[in-house]
Amino acid sequence: MTSPMPKIIPGLLAAALVVPVTLVAQGLSGRAPTGGPGFLFDMPRVHVGVRGGFNLRRASAGPDGLFTFVTRELTLGRRDFDAFGIGADLGVVLAGPFDLVFGAGHSVNGASSEFRDWVDENERSITQRTTLATTAFTVAARWNLTSRGRRIGRFVWIPARVLPYVGIGAGAMKYSLAQDGYFVDFSDLSIFRARLGSRAWTAMALAMAGTDYSLGKRLFASAEARVLWANADLRGDFVSFDDGIDLSGVQFSLGLHVRI
C-alpha cells in the first residue's frame, strides 16, 4: 500500500508559502481561505459572552409546602414562577477537550394574584403580587464533543463551525421572595396589608448541554440547556414552611460570545 506522505508533504510546503501571501492580500480580514468562519494565528485560550433565556422552575413542595400553599389559596400556578433570565460566562481552555467555565446569572418574575375563596367586606378581590428573583454564581467543567478547530500549516487556525458540548458544575444561588398586597388572617378572618419576604443563599448543582456556532473568527453564538438543582431554607415571614423553597428547574438560553 502506497504511503500518502509523499503527496501530503508538497501540499504542506505549498500551504506554508501561500498563507503569508494570503494574509497580506486579505488585510488580516479574518476571512477563512476555505470560506469558513475565519482564521486566527493560534487557538484562543479564553472566551467571554452573555446569554439570555427562560427558566422553567420546578416549584415543587410537599402537602404543606410554600408552593402548594400559594397555588391552593391564591390564583397562582406553578408556571407563574417561571422567569426570563440573563447571564455572563468566562471560559478558559484546559487540557484536551475540556474548558472551565465561570458563570453568573440573574432571573426574576412577578405575578399578580388574589385569594381564590375569600373577598373583602365589599365583595372585592383580595389581591397581592408575588416576586421571586434568583442570582447564581457557578463554575463548570465543559467537555467539547468535537475538535475546537483545525490547524493548517504553521500560520492558520480555523475554528470549527459547529461545536457541541456537555458539562457539569456547582455554585451558590441567592434567592429573594416577596409578596406585597392584602392577606387574610385565618385566626380571626381579618384582612391586612403587608409586604412579606424571605431571602437566603444556598448551594446548587448543574448539568448542561449545548452547541456553539461560529459566526466569524472570534465571534460565535450558542444555544444551551441547563438543569439546575437547588433548595433553600425559608426565612423571615415564611419560616413556618418546613420544606423550604425549591429553586430547581430547567434553563434554556441563547448567547453571543467572543474568543480572546
Protein backbone atom coordinates (compact mmCIF):
# COMPACT_ATOMS: atom_id res chain seq x y z
CA MET A 1 0.00 0.00 0.00
CA THR A 2 1.44 3.36 -1.05
CA SER A 3 2.08 5.83 1.81
CA PRO A 4 0.19 9.15 1.47
CA MET A 5 3.11 11.14 2.92
CA PRO A 6 4.82 11.98 -0.43
CA LYS A 7 1.54 13.64 -1.52
CA ILE A 8 0.92 15.42 1.80
CA ILE A 9 4.40 16.96 2.20
CA PRO A 10 4.29 19.06 -1.02
CA GLY A 11 0.83 20.25 -0.02
CA LEU A 12 2.05 21.40 3.39
CA LEU A 13 5.02 23.18 1.83
CA ALA A 14 2.70 24.94 -0.60
CA ALA A 15 0.41 25.99 2.25
CA ALA A 16 3.36 27.39 4.18
CA LEU A 17 4.28 29.55 1.19
CA VAL A 18 0.76 30.62 0.27
CA VAL A 19 -0.59 31.55 3.68
CA PRO A 20 1.63 34.64 4.31
CA VAL A 21 0.72 36.00 0.89
CA THR A 22 -2.97 35.33 1.61
CA LEU A 23 -2.79 37.19 4.94
CA VAL A 24 -1.40 40.28 3.28
CA ALA A 25 -3.86 40.13 0.41
CA GLN A 26 -6.81 39.88 2.78
CA GLY A 27 -5.51 42.63 5.03
CA LEU A 28 -5.91 40.34 8.04
CA SER A 29 -9.66 40.49 7.43
CA GLY A 30 -10.11 37.11 9.10
CA ARG A 31 -11.88 35.56 6.09
CA ALA A 32 -11.01 31.88 6.01
CA PRO A 33 -9.20 30.59 2.91
CA THR A 34 -11.86 27.86 2.74
CA GLY A 35 -14.80 30.25 3.07
CA GLY A 36 -15.39 29.19 6.69
CA PRO A 37 -15.88 31.32 9.79
CA GLY A 38 -12.43 32.93 9.61
CA PHE A 39 -8.97 32.11 10.89
CA LEU A 40 -6.52 33.11 13.58
CA PHE A 41 -2.80 32.65 14.09
CA ASP A 42 -3.38 30.43 17.13
CA MET A 43 -6.20 28.83 19.08
CA PRO A 44 -7.71 31.30 21.59
CA ARG A 45 -7.44 30.28 25.23
CA VAL A 46 -10.32 32.34 26.63
CA HIS A 47 -13.90 33.14 25.59
CA VAL A 48 -16.36 35.56 27.19
CA GLY A 49 -20.02 36.14 26.45
CA VAL A 50 -23.54 36.98 27.50
CA ARG A 51 -26.69 34.87 27.32
CA GLY A 52 -30.38 35.29 27.82
CA GLY A 53 -33.23 32.85 28.05
CA PHE A 54 -36.07 31.38 30.03
CA ASN A 55 -36.12 29.42 33.30
CA LEU A 56 -38.75 26.73 33.85
CA ARG A 57 -38.84 26.40 37.63
CA ARG A 58 -39.90 23.08 39.12
CA ALA A 59 -41.58 24.81 42.10
CA SER A 60 -42.40 21.56 43.86
CA ALA A 61 -43.38 21.20 47.53
CA GLY A 62 -44.90 18.78 49.98
CA PRO A 63 -48.56 18.97 51.03
CA ASP A 64 -47.79 21.81 53.45
CA GLY A 65 -45.01 23.43 51.44
CA LEU A 66 -44.87 27.02 50.22
CA PHE A 67 -45.70 26.41 46.56
CA THR A 68 -48.54 24.08 47.49
CA PHE A 69 -49.99 26.70 49.83
CA VAL A 70 -49.82 29.67 47.47
CA THR A 71 -51.20 27.74 44.49
CA ARG A 72 -54.04 26.38 46.63
CA GLU A 73 -55.03 29.61 48.39
CA LEU A 74 -54.11 32.12 45.67
CA THR A 75 -54.80 32.25 41.93
CA LEU A 76 -51.22 31.26 41.17
CA GLY A 77 -49.97 28.27 39.20
CA ARG A 78 -46.53 26.73 39.19
CA ARG A 79 -45.79 28.21 35.76
CA ASP A 80 -46.25 31.70 37.28
CA PHE A 81 -42.83 31.20 38.86
CA ASP A 82 -41.07 30.72 35.50
CA ALA A 83 -38.80 33.63 34.65
CA PHE A 84 -36.68 35.28 31.98
CA GLY A 85 -33.00 35.45 32.84
CA ILE A 86 -29.69 36.93 31.74
CA GLY A 87 -26.16 35.75 32.38
CA ALA A 88 -22.48 36.08 31.56
CA ASP A 89 -19.76 33.44 31.16
CA LEU A 90 -15.96 33.33 31.16
CA GLY A 91 -14.46 30.19 29.67
CA VAL A 92 -10.83 29.09 29.95
CA VAL A 93 -9.36 26.33 27.77
CA LEU A 94 -7.87 23.45 29.75
CA ALA A 95 -6.05 20.38 28.53
CA GLY A 96 -7.57 18.32 25.74
CA PRO A 97 -11.28 18.85 25.06
CA PHE A 98 -12.02 20.46 28.44
CA ASP A 99 -12.90 24.06 29.34
CA LEU A 100 -13.50 25.62 32.74
CA VAL A 101 -16.50 27.98 32.62
CA PHE A 102 -17.23 30.59 35.28
CA GLY A 103 -20.77 31.95 35.13
CA ALA A 104 -23.15 34.43 36.72
CA GLY A 105 -26.87 34.65 36.07
CA HIS A 106 -29.93 36.50 37.28
CA SER A 107 -33.64 35.85 36.76
CA VAL A 108 -36.77 37.47 38.14
CA ASN A 109 -40.51 37.06 37.72
CA GLY A 110 -43.58 38.75 39.14
CA ALA A 111 -47.18 37.59 39.12
CA SER A 112 -50.38 39.19 40.39
CA SER A 113 -52.95 37.08 42.22
CA GLU A 114 -55.93 37.09 44.53
CA PHE A 115 -57.41 34.74 47.12
CA ARG A 116 -59.47 32.01 45.50
CA ASP A 117 -62.11 31.64 48.21
CA TRP A 118 -62.11 34.95 50.02
CA VAL A 119 -63.24 38.52 49.30
CA ASP A 120 -63.29 41.63 51.49
CA GLU A 121 -66.36 43.15 53.20
CA ASN A 122 -67.22 44.97 49.95
CA GLU A 123 -67.10 41.78 47.89
CA ARG A 124 -63.87 42.89 46.24
CA SER A 125 -60.97 40.60 45.48
CA ILE A 126 -58.12 40.40 47.99
CA THR A 127 -55.09 40.98 45.76
CA GLN A 128 -51.33 40.72 46.08
CA ARG A 129 -48.21 40.40 43.93
CA THR A 130 -45.55 37.72 44.28
CA THR A 131 -41.95 38.24 43.07
CA LEU A 132 -39.19 35.63 43.02
CA ALA A 133 -35.64 36.58 42.00
CA THR A 134 -32.53 34.39 41.89
CA THR A 135 -28.85 35.16 41.34
CA ALA A 136 -26.39 32.32 40.76
CA PHE A 137 -22.60 32.07 40.58
CA THR A 138 -21.27 28.84 39.10
CA VAL A 139 -18.17 27.05 37.90
CA ALA A 140 -18.49 24.15 35.45
CA ALA A 141 -16.26 21.67 33.67
CA ARG A 142 -17.20 21.60 29.99
CA TRP A 143 -16.35 18.75 27.64
CA ASN A 144 -16.30 19.60 23.93
CA LEU A 145 -17.57 16.62 21.95
CA THR A 146 -15.67 17.50 18.76
CA SER A 147 -12.49 19.41 17.97
CA ARG A 148 -12.48 23.16 18.66
CA GLY A 149 -10.93 23.76 15.25
CA ARG A 150 -8.14 22.73 12.93
CA ARG A 151 -4.68 23.97 12.14
CA ILE A 152 -3.40 24.49 8.60
CA GLY A 153 0.36 24.72 8.34
CA ARG A 154 2.19 26.95 10.80
CA PHE A 155 0.16 30.09 10.36
CA VAL A 156 -3.55 29.33 10.42
CA TRP A 157 -6.02 28.01 13.00
CA ILE A 158 -9.64 27.77 11.83
CA PRO A 159 -12.39 27.44 14.46
CA ALA A 160 -14.94 24.69 13.99
CA ARG A 161 -18.22 25.86 12.52
CA VAL A 162 -20.24 23.75 14.98
CA LEU A 163 -19.04 22.65 18.42
CA PRO A 164 -21.39 20.56 20.65
CA TYR A 165 -20.57 20.17 24.34
CA VAL A 166 -21.77 18.88 27.70
CA GLY A 167 -20.75 19.79 31.24
CA ILE A 168 -21.37 19.63 34.97
CA GLY A 169 -20.79 22.16 37.71
CA ALA A 170 -21.70 23.64 41.07
CA GLY A 171 -22.07 27.01 42.71
CA ALA A 172 -24.10 29.21 45.01
CA MET A 173 -27.53 30.74 44.49
CA LYS A 174 -29.22 33.62 46.28
CA TYR A 175 -32.99 33.95 46.18
CA SER A 176 -35.35 36.73 47.19
CA LEU A 177 -39.07 36.06 47.62
CA ALA A 178 -41.55 38.87 48.27
CA GLN A 179 -45.34 39.14 48.47
CA ASP A 180 -46.88 42.60 48.59
CA GLY A 181 -50.60 43.24 48.99
CA TYR A 182 -53.57 42.20 51.11
CA PHE A 183 -53.89 38.95 53.06
CA VAL A 184 -56.36 37.08 55.24
CA ASP A 185 -55.54 36.38 58.87
CA PHE A 186 -57.10 32.91 59.24
CA SER A 187 -57.17 33.21 63.04
CA ASP A 188 -59.83 35.95 63.04
CA LEU A 189 -60.56 36.33 59.27
CA SER A 190 -59.39 39.97 59.28
CA ILE A 191 -57.76 41.46 56.19
CA PHE A 192 -54.43 43.25 56.49
CA ARG A 193 -51.89 44.93 54.21
CA ALA A 194 -48.32 43.62 54.36
CA ARG A 195 -45.10 43.05 52.49
CA LEU A 196 -43.81 39.55 53.27
CA GLY A 197 -40.31 38.45 52.40
CA SER A 198 -37.59 35.83 52.63
CA ARG A 199 -34.06 35.67 51.25
CA ALA A 200 -31.06 33.36 51.66
CA TRP A 201 -28.07 31.72 49.94
CA THR A 202 -27.86 28.02 49.13
CA ALA A 203 -25.59 25.58 47.29
CA MET A 204 -26.55 24.42 43.82
CA ALA A 205 -25.50 21.93 41.13
CA LEU A 206 -25.98 21.96 37.37
CA ALA A 207 -25.66 19.87 34.22
CA MET A 208 -25.56 21.46 30.78
CA ALA A 209 -25.57 20.62 27.09
CA GLY A 210 -25.30 22.97 24.15
CA THR A 211 -23.81 23.88 20.80
CA ASP A 212 -21.58 26.74 19.69
CA TYR A 213 -21.90 28.09 16.15
CA SER A 214 -19.08 30.22 14.74
CA LEU A 215 -20.14 33.50 13.15
CA GLY A 216 -16.58 34.64 12.48
CA LYS A 217 -13.02 34.05 13.56
CA ARG A 218 -13.71 35.44 17.04
CA LEU A 219 -17.49 35.66 17.36
CA PHE A 220 -19.77 32.69 18.00
CA ALA A 221 -23.35 32.09 19.08
CA SER A 222 -24.53 29.39 21.45
CA ALA A 223 -27.71 27.52 22.29
CA GLU A 224 -27.73 25.82 25.68
CA ALA A 225 -29.92 23.92 28.11
CA ARG A 226 -29.12 23.62 31.82
CA VAL A 227 -30.68 21.53 34.54
CA LEU A 228 -30.38 23.21 37.95
CA TRP A 229 -30.72 21.65 41.41
CA ALA A 230 -31.15 23.91 44.43
CA ASN A 231 -33.26 24.00 47.57
CA ALA A 232 -33.07 26.75 50.19
CA ASP A 233 -34.40 27.38 53.67
CA LEU A 234 -37.22 29.88 54.04
CA ARG A 235 -36.56 32.82 56.34
CA GLY A 236 -38.39 35.84 57.67
CA ASP A 237 -42.15 35.81 57.15
CA PHE A 238 -42.11 32.32 55.57
CA VAL A 239 -40.06 30.50 58.21
CA SER A 240 -43.05 28.31 59.18
CA PHE A 241 -42.80 26.36 55.89
CA ASP A 242 -40.50 23.48 56.82
CA ASP A 243 -39.98 22.18 53.27
CA GLY A 244 -38.00 25.24 52.24
CA ILE A 245 -38.21 26.62 48.72
CA ASP A 246 -37.49 24.56 45.61
CA LEU A 247 -35.32 26.57 43.19
CA SER A 248 -34.56 23.71 40.80
CA GLY A 249 -35.57 23.74 37.16
CA VAL A 250 -34.52 23.79 33.53
CA GLN A 251 -32.97 26.80 31.82
CA PHE A 252 -32.87 27.43 28.06
CA SER A 253 -30.68 30.22 26.70
CA LEU A 254 -29.11 31.77 23.61
CA GLY A 255 -25.77 33.53 23.86
CA LEU A 256 -23.19 35.59 22.00
CA HIS A 257 -19.50 35.08 22.80
CA VAL A 258 -16.07 36.34 21.78
CA ARG A 259 -12.84 34.34 21.59
CA ILE A 260 -9.86 36.15 23.10
